Amino acid sequence: RTHIVMRGEGLQNASMDKLMNRMLLAYDPCALHAGIYRSGNSEL
């Protein structure tokens, strides 16, 4: 959290929920989110 660079006040709980939905559901037309997984592993 200390390294996340965001506009405004930072990542609050309400904005975290919105961000998580955008990342998981891939519905943001102005962003592309991908998970990083170790090769051959299913853990994010």
Full PDB file with SEQRES, HELIX, SHEET, SSBOND, CRYST1, ORIGX, SCALE, CONECT and MASTER records, all heavy atoms in Angstrom:
SEQRES   1 A   44  ARG THR HIS ILE VAL MET ARG GLY GLU GLY LEU GLN ASN          
SEQRES   2 A   44  ALA SER MET ASP LYS LEU MET ASN ARG MET LEU LEU ALA          
SEQRES   3 A   44  TYR ASP PRO CYS ALA LEU HIS ALA GLY ILE TYR ARG SER          
SEQRES   4 A   44  GLY ASN SER GLU LEU                                          
HELIX    1 AA1 ASN A   13  LEU A   25  1                                  13    
CRYST1    1.000    1.000    1.000  90.00  90.00  90.00 P 1           1          
ORIGX1      1.000000  0.000000  0.000000        0.00000                         
ORIGX2      0.000000  1.000000  0.000000        0.00000                         
ORIGX3      0.000000  0.000000  1.000000        0.00000                         
SCALE1      1.000000  0.000000  0.000000        0.00000                         
SCALE2      0.000000  1.000000  0.000000        0.00000                         
SCALE3      0.000000  0.000000  1.000000        0.00000                         
ATOM      1  N   ARG A   1       0.823  -1.219   0.000  1.00  0.00           N  
ATOM      2  CA  ARG A   1       0.000   0.000   0.000  1.00  0.00           C  
ATOM      3  C   ARG A   1       0.851   1.259   0.000  1.00  0.00           C  
ATOM      4  O   ARG A   1       0.470   2.261  -0.586  1.00  0.00           O  
ATOM      5  CB  ARG A   1      -0.950   0.014   1.190  1.00  0.00           C  
ATOM      6  CG  ARG A   1      -2.135  -0.901   1.016  1.00  0.00           C  
ATOM      7  CD  ARG A   1      -3.061  -0.812   2.196  1.00  0.00           C  
ATOM      8  NE  ARG A   1      -3.797   0.429   2.183  1.00  0.00           N  
ATOM      9  CZ  ARG A   1      -5.077   0.530   1.836  1.00  0.00           C  
ATOM     10  NH1 ARG A   1      -5.733  -0.528   1.476  1.00  0.00           N  
ATOM     11  NH2 ARG A   1      -5.681   1.684   1.871  1.00  0.00           N  
ATOM     12  N   THR A   2       2.015   1.204   0.647  1.00  0.00           N  
ATOM     13  CA  THR A   2       2.863   2.400   0.687  1.00  0.00           C  
ATOM     14  C   THR A   2       3.437   2.725  -0.681  1.00  0.00           C  
ATOM     15  O   THR A   2       3.858   3.851  -0.916  1.00  0.00           O  
ATOM     16  CB  THR A   2       4.029   2.223   1.685  1.00  0.00           C  
ATOM     17  OG1 THR A   2       4.852   1.138   1.251  1.00  0.00           O  
ATOM     18  CG2 THR A   2       3.523   1.971   3.084  1.00  0.00           C  
ATOM     19  N   HIS A   3       3.449   1.753  -1.590  1.00  0.00           N  
ATOM     20  CA  HIS A   3       4.030   1.980  -2.908  1.00  0.00           C  
ATOM     21  C   HIS A   3       2.996   2.225  -4.001  1.00  0.00           C  
ATOM     22  O   HIS A   3       3.363   2.591  -5.113  1.00  0.00           O  
ATOM     23  CB  HIS A   3       4.899   0.782  -3.315  1.00  0.00           C  
ATOM     24  CG  HIS A   3       6.086   0.596  -2.434  1.00  0.00           C  
ATOM     25  ND1 HIS A   3       7.057   1.556  -2.273  1.00  0.00           N  
ATOM     26  CD2 HIS A   3       6.456  -0.436  -1.648  1.00  0.00           C  
ATOM     27  CE1 HIS A   3       7.975   1.123  -1.441  1.00  0.00           C  
ATOM     28  NE2 HIS A   3       7.632  -0.090  -1.042  1.00  0.00           N  
ATOM     29  N   ILE A   4       1.718   2.002  -3.708  1.00  0.00           N  
ATOM     30  CA  ILE A   4       0.689   2.196  -4.732  1.00  0.00           C  
ATOM     31  C   ILE A   4       0.553   3.689  -5.004  1.00  0.00           C  
ATOM     32  O   ILE A   4       0.334   4.480  -4.097  1.00  0.00           O  
ATOM     33  CB  ILE A   4      -0.661   1.585  -4.291  1.00  0.00           C  
ATOM     34  CG1 ILE A   4      -0.523   0.064  -4.183  1.00  0.00           C  
ATOM     35  CG2 ILE A   4      -1.764   1.954  -5.280  1.00  0.00           C  
ATOM     36  CD1 ILE A   4      -1.744  -0.639  -3.619  1.00  0.00           C  
ATOM     37  N   VAL A   5       0.709   4.062  -6.274  1.00  0.00           N  
ATOM     38  CA  VAL A   5       0.602   5.455  -6.692  1.00  0.00           C  
ATOM     39  C   VAL A   5      -0.767   5.637  -7.320  1.00  0.00           C  
ATOM     40  O   VAL A   5      -1.051   5.078  -8.370  1.00  0.00           O  
ATOM     41  CB  VAL A   5       1.708   5.829  -7.700  1.00  0.00           C  
ATOM     42  CG1 VAL A   5       1.546   7.258  -8.167  1.00  0.00           C  
ATOM     43  CG2 VAL A   5       3.080   5.613  -7.078  1.00  0.00           C  
ATOM     44  N   MET A   6      -1.630   6.402  -6.645  1.00  0.00           N  
ATOM     45  CA  MET A   6      -2.985   6.664  -7.149  1.00  0.00           C  
ATOM     46  C   MET A   6      -3.264   8.144  -7.072  1.00  0.00           C  
ATOM     47  O   MET A   6      -2.692   8.860  -6.255  1.00  0.00           O  
ATOM     48  CB  MET A   6      -4.032   5.917  -6.308  1.00  0.00           C  
ATOM     49  CG  MET A   6      -3.976   4.424  -6.443  1.00  0.00           C  
ATOM     50  SD  MET A   6      -5.345   3.620  -5.604  1.00  0.00           S  
ATOM     51  CE  MET A   6      -6.730   4.199  -6.551  1.00  0.00           C  
ATOM     52  N   ARG A   7      -4.178   8.586  -7.910  1.00  0.00           N  
ATOM     53  CA  ARG A   7      -4.639   9.972  -7.803  1.00  0.00           C  
ATOM     54  C   ARG A   7      -5.551  10.078  -6.593  1.00  0.00           C  
ATOM     55  O   ARG A   7      -6.218   9.136  -6.213  1.00  0.00           O  
ATOM     56  CB  ARG A   7      -5.413  10.366  -9.053  1.00  0.00           C  
ATOM     57  CG  ARG A   7      -4.552  10.415 -10.275  1.00  0.00           C  
ATOM     58  CD  ARG A   7      -5.374  10.894 -11.463  1.00  0.00           C  
ATOM     59  NE  ARG A   7      -4.552  10.977 -12.633  1.00  0.00           N  
ATOM     60  CZ  ARG A   7      -4.577  10.103 -13.621  1.00  0.00           C  
ATOM     61  NH1 ARG A   7      -5.399   9.092 -13.581  1.00  0.00           N  
ATOM     62  NH2 ARG A   7      -3.792  10.259 -14.656  1.00  0.00           N  
ATOM     63  N   GLY A   8      -5.602  11.243  -5.996  1.00  0.00           N  
ATOM     64  CA  GLY A   8      -6.507  11.462  -4.877  1.00  0.00           C  
ATOM     65  C   GLY A   8      -5.945  10.937  -3.573  1.00  0.00           C  
ATOM     66  O   GLY A   8      -4.753  10.903  -3.350  1.00  0.00           O  
ATOM     67  N   GLU A   9      -6.829  10.482  -2.715  1.00  0.00           N  
ATOM     68  CA  GLU A   9      -6.474  10.112  -1.354  1.00  0.00           C  
ATOM     69  C   GLU A   9      -5.830   8.742  -1.221  1.00  0.00           C  
ATOM     70  O   GLU A   9      -5.315   8.408  -0.192  1.00  0.00           O  
ATOM     71  CB  GLU A   9      -7.729  10.161  -0.461  1.00  0.00           C  
ATOM     72  CG  GLU A   9      -8.297  11.552  -0.309  1.00  0.00           C  
ATOM     73  CD  GLU A   9      -7.319  12.488   0.372  1.00  0.00           C  
ATOM     74  OE1 GLU A   9      -6.756  12.118   1.424  1.00  0.00           O  
ATOM     75  OE2 GLU A   9      -7.107  13.583  -0.153  1.00  0.00           O  
ATOM     76  N   GLY A  10      -5.903   7.933  -2.232  1.00  0.00           N  
ATOM     77  CA  GLY A  10      -5.350   6.592  -2.117  1.00  0.00           C  
ATOM     78  C   GLY A  10      -6.443   5.548  -2.166  1.00  0.00           C  
ATOM     79  O   GLY A  10      -7.594   5.837  -2.436  1.00  0.00           O  
ATOM     80  N   LEU A  11      -6.085   4.334  -1.874  1.00  0.00           N  
ATOM     81  CA  LEU A  11      -6.982   3.196  -2.012  1.00  0.00           C  
ATOM     82  C   LEU A  11      -7.777   2.991  -0.725  1.00  0.00           C  
ATOM     83  O   LEU A  11      -7.262   2.486   0.253  1.00  0.00           O  
ATOM     84  CB  LEU A  11      -6.144   1.958  -2.358  1.00  0.00           C  
ATOM     85  CG  LEU A  11      -6.866   0.728  -2.853  1.00  0.00           C  
ATOM     86  CD1 LEU A  11      -7.689   1.054  -4.099  1.00  0.00           C  
ATOM     87  CD2 LEU A  11      -5.870  -0.355  -3.171  1.00  0.00           C  
ATOM     88  N   GLN A  12      -9.040   3.402  -0.739  1.00  0.00           N  
ATOM     89  CA  GLN A  12      -9.946   3.201   0.386  1.00  0.00           C  
ATOM     90  C   GLN A  12     -10.752   1.926   0.137  1.00  0.00           C  
ATOM     91  O   GLN A  12     -10.734   1.384  -0.957  1.00  0.00           O  
ATOM     92  CB  GLN A  12     -10.889   4.403   0.538  1.00  0.00           C  
ATOM     93  CG  GLN A  12     -10.173   5.739   0.642  1.00  0.00           C  
ATOM     94  CD  GLN A  12      -9.228   5.814   1.826  1.00  0.00           C  
ATOM     95  OE1 GLN A  12      -9.496   5.273   2.881  1.00  0.00           O  
ATOM     96  NE2 GLN A  12      -8.094   6.480   1.642  1.00  0.00           N  
ATOM     97  N   ASN A  13     -11.506   1.465   1.141  1.00  0.00           N  
ATOM     98  CA  ASN A  13     -12.246   0.204   1.002  1.00  0.00           C  
ATOM     99  C   ASN A  13     -13.238   0.211  -0.161  1.00  0.00           C  
ATOM    100  O   ASN A  13     -13.316  -0.752  -0.907  1.00  0.00           O  
ATOM    101  CB  ASN A  13     -12.964  -0.142   2.308  1.00  0.00           C  
ATOM    102  CG  ASN A  13     -11.988  -0.643   3.354  1.00  0.00           C  
ATOM    103  OD1 ASN A  13     -10.911  -1.131   3.022  1.00  0.00           O  
ATOM    104  ND2 ASN A  13     -12.350  -0.514   4.613  1.00  0.00           N  
ATOM    105  N   ALA A  14     -14.004   1.307  -0.321  1.00  0.00           N  
ATOM    106  CA  ALA A  14     -14.985   1.366  -1.407  1.00  0.00           C  
ATOM    107  C   ALA A  14     -14.294   1.342  -2.760  1.00  0.00           C  
ATOM    108  O   ALA A  14     -14.719   0.627  -3.676  1.00  0.00           O  
ATOM    109  CB  ALA A  14     -15.844   2.622  -1.275  1.00  0.00           C  
ATOM    110  N   SER A  15     -13.212   2.081  -2.900  1.00  0.00           N  
ATOM    111  CA  SER A  15     -12.507   2.080  -4.178  1.00  0.00           C  
ATOM    112  C   SER A  15     -11.788   0.748  -4.391  1.00  0.00           C  
ATOM    113  O   SER A  15     -11.610   0.318  -5.524  1.00  0.00           O  
ATOM    114  CB  SER A  15     -11.538   3.262  -4.282  1.00  0.00           C  
ATOM    115  OG  SER A  15     -10.567   3.218  -3.271  1.00  0.00           O  
ATOM    116  N   MET A  16     -11.388   0.077  -3.317  1.00  0.00           N  
ATOM    117  CA  MET A  16     -10.757  -1.237  -3.458  1.00  0.00           C  
ATOM    118  C   MET A  16     -11.760  -2.234  -4.027  1.00  0.00           C  
ATOM    119  O   MET A  16     -11.416  -3.023  -4.915  1.00  0.00           O  
ATOM    120  CB  MET A  16     -10.216  -1.760  -2.131  1.00  0.00           C  
ATOM    121  CG  MET A  16      -9.492  -3.098  -2.315  1.00  0.00           C  
ATOM    122  SD  MET A  16      -8.947  -3.913  -0.820  1.00  0.00           S  
ATOM    123  CE  MET A  16      -7.809  -2.744  -0.152  1.00  0.00           C  
ATOM    124  N   ASP A  17     -12.998  -2.210  -3.541  1.00  0.00           N  
ATOM    125  CA  ASP A  17     -14.015  -3.126  -4.064  1.00  0.00           C  
ATOM    126  C   ASP A  17     -14.257  -2.885  -5.556  1.00  0.00           C  
ATOM    127  O   ASP A  17     -14.346  -3.823  -6.341  1.00  0.00           O  
ATOM    128  CB  ASP A  17     -15.325  -2.972  -3.291  1.00  0.00           C  
ATOM    129  CG  ASP A  17     -15.218  -3.489  -1.863  1.00  0.00           C  
ATOM    130  OD1 ASP A  17     -14.300  -4.291  -1.587  1.00  0.00           O  
ATOM    131  OD2 ASP A  17     -16.038  -3.080  -1.027  1.00  0.00           O  
ATOM    132  N   LYS A  18     -14.344  -1.613  -5.967  1.00  0.00           N  
ATOM    133  CA  LYS A  18     -14.544  -1.295  -7.378  1.00  0.00           C  
ATOM    134  C   LYS A  18     -13.359  -1.754  -8.207  1.00  0.00           C  
ATOM    135  O   LYS A  18     -13.521  -2.335  -9.275  1.00  0.00           O  
ATOM    136  CB  LYS A  18     -14.750   0.214  -7.563  1.00  0.00           C  
ATOM    137  CG  LYS A  18     -16.082   0.710  -7.089  1.00  0.00           C  
ATOM    138  CD  LYS A  18     -16.195   2.208  -7.304  1.00  0.00           C  
ATOM    139  CE  LYS A  18     -17.475   2.736  -6.711  1.00  0.00           C  
ATOM    140  NZ  LYS A  18     -17.580   4.201  -6.841  1.00  0.00           N  
ATOM    141  N   LEU A  19     -12.158  -1.488  -7.718  1.00  0.00           N  
ATOM    142  CA  LEU A  19     -10.953  -1.897  -8.427  1.00  0.00           C  
ATOM    143  C   LEU A  19     -10.895  -3.418  -8.561  1.00  0.00           C  
ATOM    144  O   LEU A  19     -10.600  -3.947  -9.634  1.00  0.00           O  
ATOM    145  CB  LEU A  19      -9.707  -1.378  -7.710  1.00  0.00           C  
ATOM    146  CG  LEU A  19      -8.360  -1.808  -8.289  1.00  0.00           C  
ATOM    147  CD1 LEU A  19      -8.207  -1.336  -9.730  1.00  0.00           C  
ATOM    148  CD2 LEU A  19      -7.224  -1.273  -7.415  1.00  0.00           C  
ATOM    149  N   MET A  20     -11.189  -4.126  -7.488  1.00  0.00           N  
ATOM    150  CA  MET A  20     -11.168  -5.594  -7.539  1.00  0.00           C  
ATOM    151  C   MET A  20     -12.154  -6.116  -8.569  1.00  0.00           C  
ATOM    152  O   MET A  20     -11.831  -7.025  -9.336  1.00  0.00           O  
ATOM    153  CB  MET A  20     -11.460  -6.180  -6.160  1.00  0.00           C  
ATOM    154  CG  MET A  20     -10.288  -6.084  -5.225  1.00  0.00           C  
ATOM    155  SD  MET A  20     -10.582  -6.885  -3.649  1.00  0.00           S  
ATOM    156  CE  MET A  20     -11.068  -8.520  -4.127  1.00  0.00           C  
ATOM    157  N   ASN A  21     -13.360  -5.552  -8.609  1.00  0.00           N  
ATOM    158  CA  ASN A  21     -14.351  -5.992  -9.598  1.00  0.00           C  
ATOM    159  C   ASN A  21     -13.856  -5.743 -11.012  1.00  0.00           C  
ATOM    160  O   ASN A  21     -14.011  -6.596 -11.882  1.00  0.00           O  
ATOM    161  CB  ASN A  21     -15.686  -5.288  -9.371  1.00  0.00           C  
ATOM    162  CG  ASN A  21     -16.442  -5.877  -8.206  1.00  0.00           C  
ATOM    163  OD1 ASN A  21     -16.254  -7.031  -7.860  1.00  0.00           O  
ATOM    164  ND2 ASN A  21     -17.287  -5.083  -7.584  1.00  0.00           N  
ATOM    165  N   ARG A  22     -13.256  -4.590 -11.248  1.00  0.00           N  
ATOM    166  CA  ARG A  22     -12.724  -4.303 -12.583  1.00  0.00           C  
ATOM    167  C   ARG A  22     -11.621  -5.275 -12.959  1.00  0.00           C  
ATOM    168  O   ARG A  22     -11.524  -5.720 -14.094  1.00  0.00           O  
ATOM    169  CB  ARG A  22     -12.192  -2.870 -12.649  1.00  0.00           C  
ATOM    170  CG  ARG A  22     -13.271  -1.852 -12.702  1.00  0.00           C  
ATOM    171  CD  ARG A  22     -12.692  -0.481 -12.866  1.00  0.00           C  
ATOM    172  NE  ARG A  22     -13.769   0.451 -13.143  1.00  0.00           N  
ATOM    173  CZ  ARG A  22     -13.808   1.668 -12.678  1.00  0.00           C  
ATOM    174  NH1 ARG A  22     -12.823   2.135 -11.947  1.00  0.00           N  
ATOM    175  NH2 ARG A  22     -14.817   2.453 -12.969  1.00  0.00           N  
ATOM    176  N   MET A  23     -10.776  -5.590 -12.000  1.00  0.00           N  
ATOM    177  CA  MET A  23      -9.652  -6.482 -12.277  1.00  0.00           C  
ATOM    178  C   MET A  23     -10.122  -7.914 -12.504  1.00  0.00           C  
ATOM    179  O   MET A  23      -9.650  -8.595 -13.409  1.00  0.00           O  
ATOM    180  CB  MET A  23      -8.647  -6.425 -11.126  1.00  0.00           C  
ATOM    181  CG  MET A  23      -7.956  -5.076 -11.012  1.00  0.00           C  
ATOM    182  SD  MET A  23      -6.934  -4.936  -9.543  1.00  0.00           S  
ATOM    183  CE  MET A  23      -5.439  -5.740 -10.118  1.00  0.00           C  
ATOM    184  N   LEU A  24     -11.048  -8.381 -11.693  1.00  0.00           N  
ATOM    185  CA  LEU A  24     -11.502  -9.772 -11.785  1.00  0.00           C  
ATOM    186  C   LEU A  24     -12.476 -10.006 -12.932  1.00  0.00           C  
ATOM    187  O   LEU A  24     -12.457 -11.058 -13.564  1.00  0.00           O  
ATOM    188  CB  LEU A  24     -12.146 -10.205 -10.469  1.00  0.00           C  
ATOM    189  CG  LEU A  24     -11.202 -10.322  -9.279  1.00  0.00           C  
ATOM    190  CD1 LEU A  24     -11.983 -10.501  -7.986  1.00  0.00           C  
ATOM    191  CD2 LEU A  24     -10.214 -11.458  -9.478  1.00  0.00           C  
ATOM    192  N   LEU A  25     -13.337  -9.039 -13.212  1.00  0.00           N  
ATOM    193  CA  LEU A  25     -14.368  -9.218 -14.229  1.00  0.00           C  
ATOM    194  C   LEU A  25     -13.962  -8.697 -15.598  1.00  0.00           C  
ATOM    195  O   LEU A  25     -14.678  -8.903 -16.572  1.00  0.00           O  
ATOM    196  CB  LEU A  25     -15.673  -8.554 -13.774  1.00  0.00           C  
ATOM    197  CG  LEU A  25     -16.221  -9.054 -12.435  1.00  0.00           C  
ATOM    198  CD1 LEU A  25     -17.450  -8.264 -12.019  1.00  0.00           C  
ATOM    199  CD2 LEU A  25     -16.541 -10.542 -12.517  1.00  0.00           C  
ATOM    200  N   ALA A  26     -12.829  -8.006 -15.678  1.00  0.00           N  
ATOM    201  CA  ALA A  26     -12.280  -7.508 -16.949  1.00  0.00           C  
ATOM    202  C   ALA A  26     -13.304  -6.714 -17.748  1.00  0.00           C  
ATOM    203  O   ALA A  26     -13.448  -6.907 -18.947  1.00  0.00           O  
ATOM    204  CB  ALA A  26     -11.711  -8.663 -17.768  1.00  0.00           C  
ATOM    205  N   TYR A  27     -14.037  -5.800 -17.084  1.00  0.00           N  
ATOM    206  CA  TYR A  27     -15.031  -5.030 -17.832  1.00  0.00           C  
ATOM    207  C   TYR A  27     -14.647  -3.576 -18.034  1.00  0.00           C  
ATOM    208  O   TYR A  27     -15.416  -2.805 -18.569  1.00  0.00           O  
ATOM    209  CB  TYR A  27     -16.405  -5.113 -17.148  1.00  0.00           C  
ATOM    210  CG  TYR A  27     -16.511  -4.363 -15.837  1.00  0.00           C  
ATOM    211  CD1 TYR A  27     -16.761  -3.000 -15.792  1.00  0.00           C  
ATOM    212  CD2 TYR A  27     -16.378  -5.043 -14.641  1.00  0.00           C  
ATOM    213  CE1 TYR A  27     -16.853  -2.330 -14.585  1.00  0.00           C  
ATOM    214  CE2 TYR A  27     -16.477  -4.377 -13.435  1.00  0.00           C  
ATOM    215  CZ  TYR A  27     -16.714  -3.025 -13.422  1.00  0.00           C  
ATOM    216  OH  TYR A  27     -16.817  -2.358 -12.225  1.00  0.00           O  
ATOM    217  N   ASP A  28     -13.476  -3.193 -17.648  1.00  0.00           N  
ATOM    218  CA  ASP A  28     -13.040  -1.811 -17.812  1.00  0.00           C  
ATOM    219  C   ASP A  28     -12.474  -1.619 -19.215  1.00  0.00           C  
ATOM    220  O   ASP A  28     -11.450  -2.204 -19.552  1.00  0.00           O  
ATOM    221  CB  ASP A  28     -11.973  -1.496 -16.757  1.00  0.00           C  
ATOM    222  CG  ASP A  28     -11.617  -0.030 -16.699  1.00  0.00           C  
ATOM    223  OD1 ASP A  28     -11.892   0.695 -17.682  1.00  0.00           O  
ATOM    224  OD2 ASP A  28     -11.057   0.394 -15.684  1.00  0.00           O  
ATOM    225  N   PRO A  29     -13.128  -0.801 -20.065  1.00  0.00           N  
ATOM    226  CA  PRO A  29     -12.640  -0.630 -21.435  1.00  0.00           C  
ATOM    227  C   PRO A  29     -11.353   0.194 -21.529  1.00  0.00           C  
ATOM    228  O   PRO A  29     -10.731   0.233 -22.587  1.00  0.00           O  
ATOM    229  CB  PRO A  29     -13.795   0.086 -22.131  1.00  0.00           C  
ATOM    230  CG  PRO A  29     -14.471   0.823 -21.027  1.00  0.00           C  
ATOM    231  CD  PRO A  29     -14.340  -0.042 -19.803  1.00  0.00           C  
ATOM    232  N   CYS A  30     -10.953   0.835 -20.451  1.00  0.00           N  
ATOM    233  CA  CYS A  30      -9.739   1.663 -20.456  1.00  0.00           C  
ATOM    234  C   CYS A  30      -8.602   1.031 -19.675  1.00  0.00           C  
ATOM    235  O   CYS A  30      -7.628   1.696 -19.332  1.00  0.00           O  
ATOM    236  CB  CYS A  30     -10.047   3.049 -19.885  1.00  0.00           C  
ATOM    237  SG  CYS A  30     -11.241   3.944 -20.881  1.00  0.00           S  
ATOM    238  N   ALA A  31      -8.730  -0.248 -19.355  1.00  0.00           N  
ATOM    239  CA  ALA A  31      -7.680  -0.931 -18.599  1.00  0.00           C  
ATOM    240  C   ALA A  31      -7.653  -2.407 -18.973  1.00  0.00           C  
ATOM    241  O   ALA A  31      -8.644  -2.973 -19.423  1.00  0.00           O  
ATOM    242  CB  ALA A  31      -7.912  -0.777 -17.095  1.00  0.00           C  
ATOM    243  N   LEU A  32      -6.494  -2.990 -18.778  1.00  0.00           N  
ATOM    244  CA  LEU A  32      -6.304  -4.415 -19.000  1.00  0.00           C  
ATOM    245  C   LEU A  32      -5.535  -4.943 -17.804  1.00  0.00           C  
ATOM    246  O   LEU A  32      -4.442  -4.453 -17.515  1.00  0.00           O  
ATOM    247  CB  LEU A  32      -5.501  -4.642 -20.286  1.00  0.00           C  
ATOM    248  CG  LEU A  32      -5.231  -6.084 -20.640  1.00  0.00           C  
ATOM    249  CD1 LEU A  32      -6.464  -6.673 -21.338  1.00  0.00           C  
ATOM    250  CD2 LEU A  32      -4.036  -6.176 -21.559  1.00  0.00           C  
ATOM    251  N   HIS A  33      -6.117  -5.885 -17.077  1.00  0.00           N  
ATOM    252  CA  HIS A  33      -5.495  -6.420 -15.866  1.00  0.00           C  
ATOM    253  C   HIS A  33      -5.189  -7.899 -16.055  1.00  0.00           C  
ATOM    254  O   HIS A  33      -6.009  -8.645 -16.593  1.00  0.00           O  
ATOM    255  CB  HIS A  33      -6.430  -6.262 -14.667  1.00  0.00           C  
ATOM    256  CG  HIS A  33      -6.813  -4.856 -14.394  1.00  0.00           C  
ATOM    257  ND1 HIS A  33      -5.992  -3.984 -13.734  1.00  0.00           N  
ATOM    258  CD2 HIS A  33      -7.933  -4.155 -14.722  1.00  0.00           C  
ATOM    259  CE1 HIS A  33      -6.583  -2.806 -13.636  1.00  0.00           C  
ATOM    260  NE2 HIS A  33      -7.758  -2.888 -14.232  1.00  0.00           N  
ATOM    261  N   ALA A  34      -4.018  -8.312 -15.604  1.00  0.00           N  
ATOM    262  CA  ALA A  34      -3.643  -9.716 -15.666  1.00  0.00           C  
ATOM    263  C   ALA A  34      -3.054 -10.132 -14.330  1.00  0.00           C  
ATOM    264  O   ALA A  34      -2.428  -9.326 -13.638  1.00  0.00           O  
ATOM    265  CB  ALA A  34      -2.621  -9.957 -16.777  1.00  0.00           C  
ATOM    266  N   GLY A  35      -3.255 -11.378 -13.992  1.00  0.00           N  
ATOM    267  CA  GLY A  35      -2.644 -11.926 -12.794  1.00  0.00           C  
ATOM    268  C   GLY A  35      -1.255 -12.433 -13.105  1.00  0.00           C  
ATOM    269  O   GLY A  35      -0.986 -12.896 -14.215  1.00  0.00           O  
ATOM    270  N   ILE A  36      -0.362 -12.339 -12.122  1.00  0.00           N  
ATOM    271  CA  ILE A  36       0.978 -12.908 -12.239  1.00  0.00           C  
ATOM    272  C   ILE A  36       0.970 -14.209 -11.435  1.00  0.00           C  
ATOM    273  O   ILE A  36       0.626 -14.208 -10.252  1.00  0.00           O  
ATOM    274  CB  ILE A  36       2.063 -11.966 -11.680  1.00  0.00           C  
ATOM    275  CG1 ILE A  36       2.025 -10.603 -12.375  1.00  0.00           C  
ATOM    276  CG2 ILE A  36       3.443 -12.607 -11.795  1.00  0.00           C  
ATOM    277  CD1 ILE A  36       2.945  -9.555 -11.728  1.00  0.00           C  
ATOM    278  N   TYR A  37       1.348 -15.295 -12.092  1.00  0.00           N  
ATOM    279  CA  TYR A  37       1.400 -16.621 -11.476  1.00  0.00           C  
ATOM    280  C   TYR A  37       2.784 -17.205 -11.765  1.00  0.00           C  
ATOM    281  O   TYR A  37       3.318 -17.018 -12.860  1.00  0.00           O  
ATOM    282  CB  TYR A  37       0.337 -17.544 -12.072  1.00  0.00           C  
ATOM    283  CG  TYR A  37      -1.070 -17.015 -11.928  1.00  0.00           C  
ATOM    284  CD1 TYR A  37      -1.570 -16.081 -12.828  1.00  0.00           C  
ATOM    285  CD2 TYR A  37      -1.884 -17.441 -10.891  1.00  0.00           C  
ATOM    286  CE1 TYR A  37      -2.857 -15.579 -12.696  1.00  0.00           C  
ATOM    287  CE2 TYR A  37      -3.175 -16.954 -10.764  1.00  0.00           C  
ATOM    288  CZ  TYR A  37      -3.652 -16.013 -11.664  1.00  0.00           C  
ATOM    289  OH  TYR A  37      -4.919 -15.529 -11.527  1.00  0.00           O  
ATOM    290  N   ARG A  38       3.346 -17.918 -10.791  1.00  0.00           N  
ATOM    291  CA  ARG A  38       4.591 -18.634 -11.089  1.00  0.00           C  
ATOM    292  C   ARG A  38       4.277 -19.687 -12.133  1.00  0.00           C  
ATOM    293  O   ARG A  38       3.205 -20.283 -12.124  1.00  0.00           O  
ATOM    294  CB  ARG A  38       5.157 -19.289  -9.828  1.00  0.00           C  
ATOM    295  CG  ARG A  38       5.746 -18.280  -8.856  1.00  0.00           C  
ATOM    296  CD  ARG A  38       6.387 -18.926  -7.646  1.00  0.00           C  
ATOM    297  NE  ARG A  38       5.403 -19.715  -6.910  1.00  0.00           N  
ATOM    298  CZ  ARG A  38       5.615 -20.943  -6.454  1.00  0.00           C  
ATOM    299  NH1 ARG A  38       6.775 -21.524  -6.611  1.00  0.00           N  
ATOM    300  NH2 ARG A  38       4.681 -21.585  -5.800  1.00  0.00           N  
ATOM    301  N   SER A  39       5.205 -19.921 -13.046  1.00  0.00           N  
ATOM    302  CA  SER A  39       4.983 -20.905 -14.106  1.00  0.00           C  
ATOM    303  C   SER A  39       4.595 -22.255 -13.515  1.00  0.00           C  
ATOM    304  O   SER A  39       5.243 -22.732 -12.588  1.00  0.00           O  
ATOM    305  CB  SER A  39       6.230 -21.059 -14.969  1.00  0.00           C  
ATOM    306  OG  SER A  39       6.422 -19.897 -15.736  1.00  0.00           O  
ATOM    307  N   GLY A  40       3.510 -22.809 -14.045  1.00  0.00           N  
ATOM    308  CA  GLY A  40       3.045 -24.113 -13.588  1.00  0.00           C  
ATOM    309  C   GLY A  40       2.328 -24.096 -12.254  1.00  0.00           C  
ATOM    310  O   GLY A  40       2.070 -25.144 -11.681  1.00  0.00           O  
ATOM    311  N   ASN A  41       1.982 -22.918 -11.737  1.00  0.00           N  
ATOM    312  CA  ASN A  41       1.332 -22.804 -10.435  1.00  0.00           C  
ATOM    313  C   ASN A  41       0.062 -21.985 -10.591  1.00  0.00           C  
ATOM    314  O   ASN A  41       0.012 -21.052 -11.391  1.00  0.00           O  
ATOM    315  CB  ASN A  41       2.307 -22.129  -9.454  1.00  0.00           C  
ATOM    316  CG  ASN A  41       1.879 -22.270  -8.016  1.00  0.00           C  
ATOM    317  OD1 ASN A  41       0.777 -21.896  -7.653  1.00  0.00           O  
ATOM    318  ND2 ASN A  41       2.771 -22.794  -7.191  1.00  0.00           N  
ATOM    319  N   SER A  42      -0.957 -22.287  -9.824  1.00  0.00           N  
ATOM    320  CA  SER A  42      -2.233 -21.578  -9.948  1.00  0.00           C  
ATOM    321  C   SER A  42      -2.434 -20.510  -8.870  1.00  0.00           C  
ATOM    322  O   SER A  42      -3.486 -19.902  -8.801  1.00  0.00           O  
ATOM    323  CB  SER A  42      -3.389 -22.580  -9.898  1.00  0.00           C  
ATOM    324  OG  SER A  42      -3.389 -23.251  -8.645  1.00  0.00           O  
ATOM    325  N   GLU A  43      -1.411 -20.257  -8.043  1.00  0.00           N  
ATOM    326  CA  GLU A  43      -1.531 -19.265  -6.980  1.00  0.00           C  
ATOM    327  C   GLU A  43      -1.143 -17.879  -7.482  1.00  0.00           C  
ATOM    328  O   GLU A  43      -0.045 -17.672  -7.997  1.00  0.00           O  
ATOM    329  CB  GLU A  43      -0.636 -19.639  -5.797  1.00  0.00           C  
ATOM    330  CG  GLU A  43      -0.711 -18.642  -4.659  1.00  0.00           C  
ATOM    331  CD  GLU A  43       0.319 -18.915  -3.568  1.00  0.00           C  
ATOM    332  OE1 GLU A  43       1.016 -19.947  -3.646  1.00  0.00           O  
ATOM    333  OE2 GLU A  43       0.416 -18.088  -2.668  1.00  0.00           O  
ATOM    334  N   LEU A  44      -2.073 -16.932  -7.347  1.00  0.00           N  
ATOM    335  CA  LEU A  44      -1.836 -15.544  -7.722  1.00  0.00           C  
ATOM    336  C   LEU A  44      -0.752 -14.953  -6.823  1.00  0.00           C  
ATOM    337  O   LEU A  44      -0.845 -15.034  -5.604  1.00  0.00           O  
ATOM    338  CB  LEU A  44      -3.132 -14.736  -7.572  1.00  0.00           C  
ATOM    339  CG  LEU A  44      -3.057 -13.247  -7.896  1.00  0.00           C  
ATOM    340  CD1 LEU A  44      -2.891 -13.046  -9.401  1.00  0.00           C  
ATOM    341  CD2 LEU A  44      -4.326 -12.551  -7.407  1.00  0.00           C  
TER     342      LEU A  44                                                      
MASTER        0    0    0    1    0    0    0    6  341    1    0    4          
END                                                                             
